[in-house]
Protein backbone atom coordinates (compact mmCIF):
# COMPACT_ATOMS: atom_id res chain seq x y z
CA MET A 1 0.38 -9.45 -11.64
CA ASN A 2 -0.11 -5.79 -10.70
CA LYS A 3 -2.27 -5.02 -7.69
CA ILE A 4 -4.73 -2.13 -7.86
CA LEU A 5 -6.62 -0.71 -4.90
CA ILE A 6 -9.82 1.15 -5.78
CA VAL A 7 -11.18 3.36 -3.00
CA ASP A 8 -14.61 4.93 -3.38
CA ASP A 9 -17.85 5.13 -1.45
CA GLU A 10 -20.00 4.84 -4.60
CA PRO A 11 -20.83 1.17 -5.32
CA ASN A 12 -21.44 1.73 -9.05
CA ILE A 13 -18.00 3.28 -9.51
CA LEU A 14 -16.34 0.44 -7.57
CA MET A 15 -18.10 -2.26 -9.56
CA SER A 16 -17.40 -0.76 -12.97
CA LEU A 17 -13.72 -0.07 -12.27
CA GLU A 18 -13.23 -3.46 -10.65
CA TYR A 19 -14.76 -5.19 -13.68
CA ALA A 20 -12.66 -3.19 -16.17
CA PHE A 21 -9.35 -3.82 -14.41
CA LYS A 22 -10.02 -7.50 -13.72
CA LYS A 23 -10.88 -7.95 -17.40
CA LYS A 24 -7.41 -6.61 -18.23
CA GLY A 25 -5.80 -9.12 -15.86
CA TYR A 26 -5.10 -6.98 -12.79
CA GLU A 27 -5.54 -8.17 -9.23
CA VAL A 28 -8.12 -5.74 -7.80
CA PHE A 29 -8.88 -4.84 -4.20
CA ILE A 30 -11.69 -2.50 -3.21
CA ALA A 31 -12.32 -0.30 -0.20
CA ARG A 32 -15.56 1.52 0.52
CA ASP A 33 -14.04 4.14 2.82
CA GLY A 34 -10.72 5.47 4.03
CA GLU A 35 -10.48 3.10 6.98
CA GLU A 36 -10.75 0.06 4.73
CA ALA A 37 -8.20 1.64 2.39
CA LEU A 38 -5.66 2.13 5.19
CA ALA A 39 -5.98 -1.52 6.21
CA LEU A 40 -5.58 -2.76 2.63
CA VAL A 41 -2.58 -0.53 1.95
CA LYS A 42 -0.83 -2.21 4.89
CA GLU A 43 -2.02 -5.70 3.99
CA VAL A 44 -1.58 -5.97 0.22
CA ALA A 45 0.87 -3.14 -0.70
CA PRO A 46 -0.89 -2.20 -3.95
CA ASP A 47 1.08 -1.05 -6.99
CA MET A 48 -1.53 1.59 -7.81
CA ILE A 49 -4.34 3.28 -5.88
CA LEU A 50 -7.38 4.95 -7.43
CA LEU A 51 -8.54 7.15 -4.60
CA ASP A 52 -11.71 9.18 -4.07
CA ILE A 53 -11.24 12.31 -1.98
CA MET A 54 -14.60 12.81 -0.28
CA MET A 55 -15.39 9.67 1.73
CA PRO A 56 -16.78 8.84 5.16
CA LYS A 57 -14.58 8.13 8.20
CA VAL A 58 -11.18 8.91 6.65
CA ASP A 59 -10.97 11.11 3.55
CA GLY A 60 -8.73 10.59 0.55
CA TYR A 61 -6.20 13.22 1.64
CA GLU A 62 -5.57 11.36 4.89
CA VAL A 63 -5.13 8.08 3.02
CA LEU A 64 -2.70 9.76 0.62
CA ASN A 65 -0.66 11.20 3.50
CA PHE A 66 -0.47 7.75 5.11
CA VAL A 67 0.76 6.19 1.85
CA LYS A 68 3.40 8.88 1.45
CA GLN A 69 4.65 8.30 5.01
CA GLN A 70 4.92 4.55 4.36
CA GLN A 71 7.21 5.18 1.38
CA ASN A 72 9.71 7.28 3.37
């Protein structure tokens, strides 16, 4: 099963995307800010990340840079 990480600080966006992807059979993980996203990237190694840019604590650009560094 493909793992998807959804990262957003808007609860309505998280819930609707989580519902839609789970309905299609994906394993879905959610993070409400960049810090949670960094931890989940390390823990679950998602196949795809849907990433908001403007978030509290750690923004989406920092999360993206971390993911890129992990792939090198």
